[in-house]
Amino acid sequence: LEFINIRQAIQNMSDNIIKLILYYQQLIN
């Protein structure tokens, strides 16, 4: 496991997962 930048990670993920990640990232920050 490792931490990588969210922008780098979402390049390889489906649209539904991207929406979830970005939604919760906005809530956290």
PDB file of all heavy atoms in Angstrom:
ATOM      1  N   LEU A   1       0.836  -1.189   0.000  1.00  0.00           N
ATOM      2  CA  LEU A   1       0.000   0.000   0.000  1.00  0.00           C
ATOM      3  C   LEU A   1       0.875   1.244   0.000  1.00  0.00           C
ATOM      4  O   LEU A   1       1.966   1.244   0.554  1.00  0.00           O
ATOM      5  CB  LEU A   1      -0.904   0.017   1.235  1.00  0.00           C
ATOM      6  CG  LEU A   1      -1.840  -1.162   1.419  1.00  0.00           C
ATOM      7  CD1 LEU A   1      -2.571  -1.043   2.746  1.00  0.00           C
ATOM      8  CD2 LEU A   1      -2.816  -1.270   0.283  1.00  0.00           C
ATOM      9  N   GLU A   2       0.366   2.301  -0.607  1.00  0.00           N
ATOM     10  CA  GLU A   2       1.079   3.571  -0.600  1.00  0.00           C
ATOM     11  C   GLU A   2       0.090   4.702  -0.860  1.00  0.00           C
ATOM     12  O   GLU A   2      -0.992   4.484  -1.403  1.00  0.00           O
ATOM     13  CB  GLU A   2       2.177   3.589  -1.654  1.00  0.00           C
ATOM     14  CG  GLU A   2       1.663   3.447  -3.074  1.00  0.00           C
ATOM     15  CD  GLU A   2       2.784   3.401  -4.092  1.00  0.00           C
ATOM     16  OE1 GLU A   2       3.364   4.470  -4.394  1.00  0.00           O
ATOM     17  OE2 GLU A   2       3.062   2.302  -4.586  1.00  0.00           O
ATOM     18  N   PHE A   3       0.467   5.888  -0.446  1.00  0.00           N
ATOM     19  CA  PHE A   3      -0.323   7.067  -0.747  1.00  0.00           C
ATOM     20  C   PHE A   3       0.202   7.691  -2.031  1.00  0.00           C
ATOM     21  O   PHE A   3       1.413   7.859  -2.192  1.00  0.00           O
ATOM     22  CB  PHE A   3      -0.227   8.104   0.388  1.00  0.00           C
ATOM     23  CG  PHE A   3      -1.164   7.820   1.523  1.00  0.00           C
ATOM     24  CD1 PHE A   3      -0.734   7.141   2.640  1.00  0.00           C
ATOM     25  CD2 PHE A   3      -2.482   8.241   1.463  1.00  0.00           C
ATOM     26  CE1 PHE A   3      -1.594   6.884   3.691  1.00  0.00           C
ATOM     27  CE2 PHE A   3      -3.355   7.993   2.499  1.00  0.00           C
ATOM     28  CZ  PHE A   3      -2.917   7.308   3.623  1.00  0.00           C
ATOM     29  N   ILE A   4      -0.723   7.999  -2.949  1.00  0.00           N
ATOM     30  CA  ILE A   4      -0.368   8.737  -4.158  1.00  0.00           C
ATOM     31  C   ILE A   4      -1.366   9.884  -4.316  1.00  0.00           C
ATOM     32  O   ILE A   4      -2.449   9.866  -3.714  1.00  0.00           O
ATOM     33  CB  ILE A   4      -0.336   7.852  -5.427  1.00  0.00           C
ATOM     34  CG1 ILE A   4      -1.717   7.295  -5.750  1.00  0.00           C
ATOM     35  CG2 ILE A   4       0.697   6.751  -5.297  1.00  0.00           C
ATOM     36  CD1 ILE A   4      -1.788   6.623  -7.114  1.00  0.00           C
ATOM     37  N   ASN A   5      -1.022  10.838  -5.141  1.00  0.00           N
ATOM     38  CA  ASN A   5      -1.897  11.971  -5.387  1.00  0.00           C
ATOM     39  C   ASN A   5      -3.217  11.485  -5.985  1.00  0.00           C
ATOM     40  O   ASN A   5      -3.230  10.597  -6.843  1.00  0.00           O
ATOM     41  CB  ASN A   5      -1.214  12.956  -6.329  1.00  0.00           C
ATOM     42  CG  ASN A   5      -2.003  14.227  -6.485  1.00  0.00           C
ATOM     43  OD1 ASN A   5      -2.952  14.278  -7.257  1.00  0.00           O
ATOM     44  ND2 ASN A   5      -1.613  15.241  -5.734  1.00  0.00           N
ATOM     45  N   ILE A   6      -4.313  12.077  -5.539  1.00  0.00           N
ATOM     46  CA  ILE A   6      -5.642  11.663  -6.016  1.00  0.00           C
ATOM     47  C   ILE A   6      -5.753  11.811  -7.532  1.00  0.00           C
ATOM     48  O   ILE A   6      -6.313  10.942  -8.206  1.00  0.00           O
ATOM     49  CB  ILE A   6      -6.741  12.452  -5.289  1.00  0.00           C
ATOM     50  CG1 ILE A   6      -6.848  11.950  -3.842  1.00  0.00           C
ATOM     51  CG2 ILE A   6      -8.080  12.323  -6.007  1.00  0.00           C
ATOM     52  CD1 ILE A   6      -7.820  12.704  -2.976  1.00  0.00           C
ATOM     53  N   ARG A   7      -5.196  12.877  -8.087  1.00  0.00           N
ATOM     54  CA  ARG A   7      -5.272  13.071  -9.547  1.00  0.00           C
ATOM     55  C   ARG A   7      -4.607  11.928 -10.299  1.00  0.00           C
ATOM     56  O   ARG A   7      -5.078  11.495 -11.339  1.00  0.00           O
ATOM     57  CB  ARG A   7      -4.648  14.395  -9.944  1.00  0.00           C
ATOM     58  CG  ARG A   7      -5.469  15.573  -9.523  1.00  0.00           C
ATOM     59  CD  ARG A   7      -4.864  16.851 -10.013  1.00  0.00           C
ATOM     60  NE  ARG A   7      -5.648  17.970  -9.545  1.00  0.00           N
ATOM     61  CZ  ARG A   7      -5.445  19.205  -9.905  1.00  0.00           C
ATOM     62  NH1 ARG A   7      -4.473  19.493 -10.752  1.00  0.00           N
ATOM     63  NH2 ARG A   7      -6.198  20.174  -9.432  1.00  0.00           N
ATOM     64  N   GLN A   8      -3.503  11.454  -9.774  1.00  0.00           N
ATOM     65  CA  GLN A   8      -2.808  10.330 -10.401  1.00  0.00           C
ATOM     66  C   GLN A   8      -3.639   9.053 -10.276  1.00  0.00           C
ATOM     67  O   GLN A   8      -3.737   8.281 -11.220  1.00  0.00           O
ATOM     68  CB  GLN A   8      -1.447  10.133  -9.737  1.00  0.00           C
ATOM     69  CG  GLN A   8      -0.632   9.015 -10.300  1.00  0.00           C
ATOM     70  CD  GLN A   8       0.667   8.799  -9.539  1.00  0.00           C
ATOM     71  OE1 GLN A   8       1.000   9.546  -8.627  1.00  0.00           O
ATOM     72  NE2 GLN A   8       1.406   7.779  -9.907  1.00  0.00           N
ATOM     73  N   ALA A   9      -4.262   8.859  -9.132  1.00  0.00           N
ATOM     74  CA  ALA A   9      -5.027   7.633  -8.891  1.00  0.00           C
ATOM     75  C   ALA A   9      -6.281   7.544  -9.749  1.00  0.00           C
ATOM     76  O   ALA A   9      -6.614   6.470 -10.259  1.00  0.00           O
ATOM     77  CB  ALA A   9      -5.403   7.532  -7.417  1.00  0.00           C
ATOM     78  N   ILE A  10      -6.987   8.658  -9.922  1.00  0.00           N
ATOM     79  CA  ILE A  10      -8.269   8.577 -10.623  1.00  0.00           C
ATOM     80  C   ILE A  10      -8.122   8.364 -12.130  1.00  0.00           C
ATOM     81  O   ILE A  10      -9.103   8.042 -12.795  1.00  0.00           O
ATOM     82  CB  ILE A  10      -9.166   9.802 -10.334  1.00  0.00           C
ATOM     83  CG1 ILE A  10      -8.532  11.091 -10.826  1.00  0.00           C
ATOM     84  CG2 ILE A  10      -9.501   9.878  -8.865  1.00  0.00           C
ATOM     85  CD1 ILE A  10      -9.411  12.314 -10.655  1.00  0.00           C
ATOM     86  N   GLN A  11      -6.935   8.490 -12.642  1.00  0.00           N
ATOM     87  CA  GLN A  11      -6.723   8.217 -14.067  1.00  0.00           C
ATOM     88  C   GLN A  11      -7.000   6.755 -14.403  1.00  0.00           C
ATOM     89  O   GLN A  11      -7.260   6.418 -15.548  1.00  0.00           O
ATOM     90  CB  GLN A  11      -5.292   8.570 -14.468  1.00  0.00           C
ATOM     91  CG  GLN A  11      -4.996  10.037 -14.395  1.00  0.00           C
ATOM     92  CD  GLN A  11      -3.542  10.339 -14.700  1.00  0.00           C
ATOM     93  OE1 GLN A  11      -2.769   9.469 -15.095  1.00  0.00           O
ATOM     94  NE2 GLN A  11      -3.157  11.583 -14.518  1.00  0.00           N
ATOM     95  N   ASN A  12      -6.943   5.891 -13.403  1.00  0.00           N
ATOM     96  CA  ASN A  12      -7.084   4.456 -13.629  1.00  0.00           C
ATOM     97  C   ASN A  12      -8.369   3.874 -13.047  1.00  0.00           C
ATOM     98  O   ASN A  12      -8.470   2.667 -12.897  1.00  0.00           O
ATOM     99  CB  ASN A  12      -5.890   3.733 -12.998  1.00  0.00           C
ATOM    100  CG  ASN A  12      -4.579   4.199 -13.570  1.00  0.00           C
ATOM    101  OD1 ASN A  12      -4.364   4.086 -14.760  1.00  0.00           O
ATOM    102  ND2 ASN A  12      -3.726   4.765 -12.737  1.00  0.00           N
ATOM    103  N   MET A  13      -9.341   4.717 -12.710  1.00  0.00           N
ATOM    104  CA  MET A  13     -10.534   4.222 -12.022  1.00  0.00           C
ATOM    105  C   MET A  13     -11.798   4.576 -12.782  1.00  0.00           C
ATOM    106  O   MET A  13     -11.819   5.469 -13.611  1.00  0.00           O
ATOM    107  CB  MET A  13     -10.567   4.779 -10.607  1.00  0.00           C
ATOM    108  CG  MET A  13      -9.349   4.375  -9.826  1.00  0.00           C
ATOM    109  SD  MET A  13      -9.492   4.665  -8.092  1.00  0.00           S
ATOM    110  CE  MET A  13      -7.901   4.063  -7.552  1.00  0.00           C
ATOM    111  N   SER A  14     -12.855   3.854 -12.463  1.00  0.00           N
ATOM    112  CA  SER A  14     -14.137   4.080 -13.130  1.00  0.00           C
ATOM    113  C   SER A  14     -14.759   5.398 -12.683  1.00  0.00           C
ATOM    114  O   SER A  14     -14.418   5.943 -11.636  1.00  0.00           O
ATOM    115  CB  SER A  14     -15.095   2.930 -12.813  1.00  0.00           C
ATOM    116  OG  SER A  14     -15.509   3.001 -11.464  1.00  0.00           O
ATOM    117  N   ASP A  15     -15.705   5.882 -13.468  1.00  0.00           N
ATOM    118  CA  ASP A  15     -16.357   7.157 -13.174  1.00  0.00           C
ATOM    119  C   ASP A  15     -17.058   7.149 -11.822  1.00  0.00           C
ATOM    120  O   ASP A  15     -17.016   8.144 -11.091  1.00  0.00           O
ATOM    121  CB  ASP A  15     -17.364   7.507 -14.272  1.00  0.00           C
ATOM    122  CG  ASP A  15     -16.676   7.896 -15.573  1.00  0.00           C
ATOM    123  OD1 ASP A  15     -15.462   8.192 -15.553  1.00  0.00           O
ATOM    124  OD2 ASP A  15     -17.359   7.923 -16.607  1.00  0.00           O
ATOM    125  N   ASN A  16     -17.714   6.051 -11.465  1.00  0.00           N
ATOM    126  CA  ASN A  16     -18.422   5.974 -10.178  1.00  0.00           C
ATOM    127  C   ASN A  16     -17.457   6.075  -9.002  1.00  0.00           C
ATOM    128  O   ASN A  16     -17.747   6.751  -8.011  1.00  0.00           O
ATOM    129  CB  ASN A  16     -19.234   4.688 -10.082  1.00  0.00           C
ATOM    130  CG  ASN A  16     -20.405   4.686 -11.039  1.00  0.00           C
ATOM    131  OD1 ASN A  16     -20.871   5.738 -11.471  1.00  0.00           O
ATOM    132  ND2 ASN A  16     -20.871   3.516 -11.392  1.00  0.00           N
ATOM    133  N   ILE A  17     -16.319   5.411  -9.108  1.00  0.00           N
ATOM    134  CA  ILE A  17     -15.313   5.469  -8.041  1.00  0.00           C
ATOM    135  C   ILE A  17     -14.716   6.871  -7.969  1.00  0.00           C
ATOM    136  O   ILE A  17     -14.512   7.414  -6.881  1.00  0.00           O
ATOM    137  CB  ILE A  17     -14.206   4.416  -8.278  1.00  0.00           C
ATOM    138  CG1 ILE A  17     -14.780   3.011  -8.316  1.00  0.00           C
ATOM    139  CG2 ILE A  17     -13.110   4.535  -7.227  1.00  0.00           C
ATOM    140  CD1 ILE A  17     -15.381   2.532  -7.031  1.00  0.00           C
ATOM    141  N   ILE A  18     -14.460   7.473  -9.121  1.00  0.00           N
ATOM    142  CA  ILE A  18     -13.907   8.830  -9.154  1.00  0.00           C
ATOM    143  C   ILE A  18     -14.848   9.803  -8.448  1.00  0.00           C
ATOM    144  O   ILE A  18     -14.415  10.628  -7.642  1.00  0.00           O
ATOM    145  CB  ILE A  18     -13.648   9.275 -10.611  1.00  0.00           C
ATOM    146  CG1 ILE A  18     -12.509   8.461 -11.208  1.00  0.00           C
ATOM    147  CG2 ILE A  18     -13.326  10.773 -10.680  1.00  0.00           C
ATOM    148  CD1 ILE A  18     -12.335   8.639 -12.703  1.00  0.00           C
ATOM    149  N   LYS A  19     -16.137   9.693  -8.713  1.00  0.00           N
ATOM    150  CA  LYS A  19     -17.114  10.581  -8.072  1.00  0.00           C
ATOM    151  C   LYS A  19     -17.093  10.426  -6.557  1.00  0.00           C
ATOM    152  O   LYS A  19     -17.132  11.417  -5.817  1.00  0.00           O
ATOM    153  CB  LYS A  19     -18.517  10.298  -8.611  1.00  0.00           C
ATOM    154  CG  LYS A  19     -18.723  10.778 -10.025  1.00  0.00           C
ATOM    155  CD  LYS A  19     -20.103  10.389 -10.532  1.00  0.00           C
ATOM    156  CE  LYS A  19     -20.236  10.714 -11.999  1.00  0.00           C
ATOM    157  NZ  LYS A  19     -21.514  10.239 -12.549  1.00  0.00           N
ATOM    158  N   LEU A  20     -17.021   9.186  -6.080  1.00  0.00           N
ATOM    159  CA  LEU A  20     -16.957   8.943  -4.641  1.00  0.00           C
ATOM    160  C   LEU A  20     -15.699   9.545  -4.026  1.00  0.00           C
ATOM    161  O   LEU A  20     -15.748  10.212  -2.994  1.00  0.00           O
ATOM    162  CB  LEU A  20     -16.994   7.438  -4.342  1.00  0.00           C
ATOM    163  CG  LEU A  20     -18.327   6.735  -4.461  1.00  0.00           C
ATOM    164  CD1 LEU A  20     -18.129   5.229  -4.345  1.00  0.00           C
ATOM    165  CD2 LEU A  20     -19.283   7.232  -3.405  1.00  0.00           C
ATOM    166  N   ILE A  21     -14.575   9.296  -4.658  1.00  0.00           N
ATOM    167  CA  ILE A  21     -13.294   9.799  -4.141  1.00  0.00           C
ATOM    168  C   ILE A  21     -13.304  11.325  -4.063  1.00  0.00           C
ATOM    169  O   ILE A  21     -12.953  11.902  -3.036  1.00  0.00           O
ATOM    170  CB  ILE A  21     -12.120   9.301  -5.013  1.00  0.00           C
ATOM    171  CG1 ILE A  21     -11.946   7.792  -4.844  1.00  0.00           C
ATOM    172  CG2 ILE A  21     -10.829  10.040  -4.665  1.00  0.00           C
ATOM    173  CD1 ILE A  21     -10.994   7.166  -5.845  1.00  0.00           C
ATOM    174  N   LEU A  22     -13.726  11.971  -5.131  1.00  0.00           N
ATOM    175  CA  LEU A  22     -13.708  13.431  -5.154  1.00  0.00           C
ATOM    176  C   LEU A  22     -14.716  14.030  -4.174  1.00  0.00           C
ATOM    177  O   LEU A  22     -14.439  15.045  -3.537  1.00  0.00           O
ATOM    178  CB  LEU A  22     -13.959  13.943  -6.575  1.00  0.00           C
ATOM    179  CG  LEU A  22     -12.856  13.607  -7.581  1.00  0.00           C
ATOM    180  CD1 LEU A  22     -13.228  14.104  -8.968  1.00  0.00           C
ATOM    181  CD2 LEU A  22     -11.518  14.160  -7.145  1.00  0.00           C
ATOM    182  N   TYR A  23     -15.865  13.392  -4.028  1.00  0.00           N
ATOM    183  CA  TYR A  23     -16.866  13.867  -3.074  1.00  0.00           C
ATOM    184  C   TYR A  23     -16.307  13.852  -1.647  1.00  0.00           C
ATOM    185  O   TYR A  23     -16.364  14.848  -0.927  1.00  0.00           O
ATOM    186  CB  TYR A  23     -18.124  13.010  -3.168  1.00  0.00           C
ATOM    187  CG  TYR A  23     -19.143  13.311  -2.103  1.00  0.00           C
ATOM    188  CD1 TYR A  23     -19.936  14.450  -2.178  1.00  0.00           C
ATOM    189  CD2 TYR A  23     -19.310  12.457  -1.011  1.00  0.00           C
ATOM    190  CE1 TYR A  23     -20.869  14.738  -1.188  1.00  0.00           C
ATOM    191  CE2 TYR A  23     -20.240  12.734  -0.025  1.00  0.00           C
ATOM    192  CZ  TYR A  23     -21.015  13.875  -0.121  1.00  0.00           C
ATOM    193  OH  TYR A  23     -21.933  14.160   0.859  1.00  0.00           O
ATOM    194  N   TYR A  24     -15.746  12.718  -1.239  1.00  0.00           N
ATOM    195  CA  TYR A  24     -15.228  12.612   0.124  1.00  0.00           C
ATOM    196  C   TYR A  24     -13.955  13.428   0.322  1.00  0.00           C
ATOM    197  O   TYR A  24     -13.711  13.947   1.400  1.00  0.00           O
ATOM    198  CB  TYR A  24     -15.048  11.148   0.517  1.00  0.00           C
ATOM    199  CG  TYR A  24     -16.362  10.505   0.836  1.00  0.00           C
ATOM    200  CD1 TYR A  24     -16.972   9.638  -0.036  1.00  0.00           C
ATOM    201  CD2 TYR A  24     -17.023  10.813   2.029  1.00  0.00           C
ATOM    202  CE1 TYR A  24     -18.212   9.074   0.244  1.00  0.00           C
ATOM    203  CE2 TYR A  24     -18.262  10.253   2.322  1.00  0.00           C
ATOM    204  CZ  TYR A  24     -18.845   9.387   1.431  1.00  0.00           C
ATOM    205  OH  TYR A  24     -20.076   8.843   1.718  1.00  0.00           O
ATOM    206  N   GLN A  25     -13.164  13.584  -0.711  1.00  0.00           N
ATOM    207  CA  GLN A  25     -11.973  14.421  -0.588  1.00  0.00           C
ATOM    208  C   GLN A  25     -12.361  15.872  -0.343  1.00  0.00           C
ATOM    209  O   GLN A  25     -11.749  16.557   0.458  1.00  0.00           O
ATOM    210  CB  GLN A  25     -11.124  14.290  -1.868  1.00  0.00           C
ATOM    211  CG  GLN A  25      -9.741  14.845  -1.707  1.00  0.00           C
ATOM    212  CD  GLN A  25      -9.552  16.199  -2.363  1.00  0.00           C
ATOM    213  OE1 GLN A  25     -10.336  16.608  -3.199  1.00  0.00           O
ATOM    214  NE2 GLN A  25      -8.517  16.895  -1.950  1.00  0.00           N
ATOM    215  N   GLN A  26     -13.427  16.336  -0.973  1.00  0.00           N
ATOM    216  CA  GLN A  26     -13.912  17.697  -0.733  1.00  0.00           C
ATOM    217  C   GLN A  26     -14.431  17.854   0.682  1.00  0.00           C
ATOM    218  O   GLN A  26     -14.228  18.879   1.310  1.00  0.00           O
ATOM    219  CB  GLN A  26     -15.004  18.056  -1.726  1.00  0.00           C
ATOM    220  CG  GLN A  26     -14.479  18.294  -3.121  1.00  0.00           C
ATOM    221  CD  GLN A  26     -15.599  18.577  -4.113  1.00  0.00           C
ATOM    222  OE1 GLN A  26     -16.768  18.426  -3.827  1.00  0.00           O
ATOM    223  NE2 GLN A  26     -15.214  18.979  -5.317  1.00  0.00           N
ATOM    224  N   LEU A  27     -15.095  16.852   1.208  1.00  0.00           N
ATOM    225  CA  LEU A  27     -15.598  16.919   2.575  1.00  0.00           C
ATOM    226  C   LEU A  27     -14.464  16.975   3.593  1.00  0.00           C
ATOM    227  O   LEU A  27     -14.549  17.687   4.603  1.00  0.00           O
ATOM    228  CB  LEU A  27     -16.485  15.714   2.895  1.00  0.00           C
ATOM    229  CG  LEU A  27     -17.854  15.688   2.227  1.00  0.00           C
ATOM    230  CD1 LEU A  27     -18.595  14.410   2.621  1.00  0.00           C
ATOM    231  CD2 LEU A  27     -18.677  16.902   2.588  1.00  0.00           C
ATOM    232  N   ILE A  28     -13.407  16.234   3.327  1.00  0.00           N
ATOM    233  CA  ILE A  28     -12.278  16.187   4.257  1.00  0.00           C
ATOM    234  C   ILE A  28     -11.511  17.499   4.251  1.00  0.00           C
ATOM    235  O   ILE A  28     -11.112  17.999   5.287  1.00  0.00           O
ATOM    236  CB  ILE A  28     -11.346  15.004   3.906  1.00  0.00           C
ATOM    237  CG1 ILE A  28     -12.044  13.696   4.235  1.00  0.00           C
ATOM    238  CG2 ILE A  28     -10.016  15.112   4.638  1.00  0.00           C
ATOM    239  CD1 ILE A  28     -11.321  12.465   3.730  1.00  0.00           C
ATOM    240  N   ASN A  29     -11.305  18.054   3.074  1.00  0.00           N
ATOM    241  CA  ASN A  29     -10.525  19.286   2.969  1.00  0.00           C
ATOM    242  C   ASN A  29     -11.446  20.465   2.955  1.00  0.00           C
ATOM    243  O   ASN A  29     -11.212  21.537   3.094  1.00  0.00           O
ATOM    244  CB  ASN A  29      -9.626  19.259   1.727  1.00  0.00           C
ATOM    245  CG  ASN A  29      -8.569  18.176   1.851  1.00  0.00           C
ATOM    246  OD1 ASN A  29      -7.981  17.990   2.892  1.00  0.00           O
ATOM    247  ND2 ASN A  29      -8.353  17.448   0.788  1.00  0.00           N
TER     248      ASN A  29
END
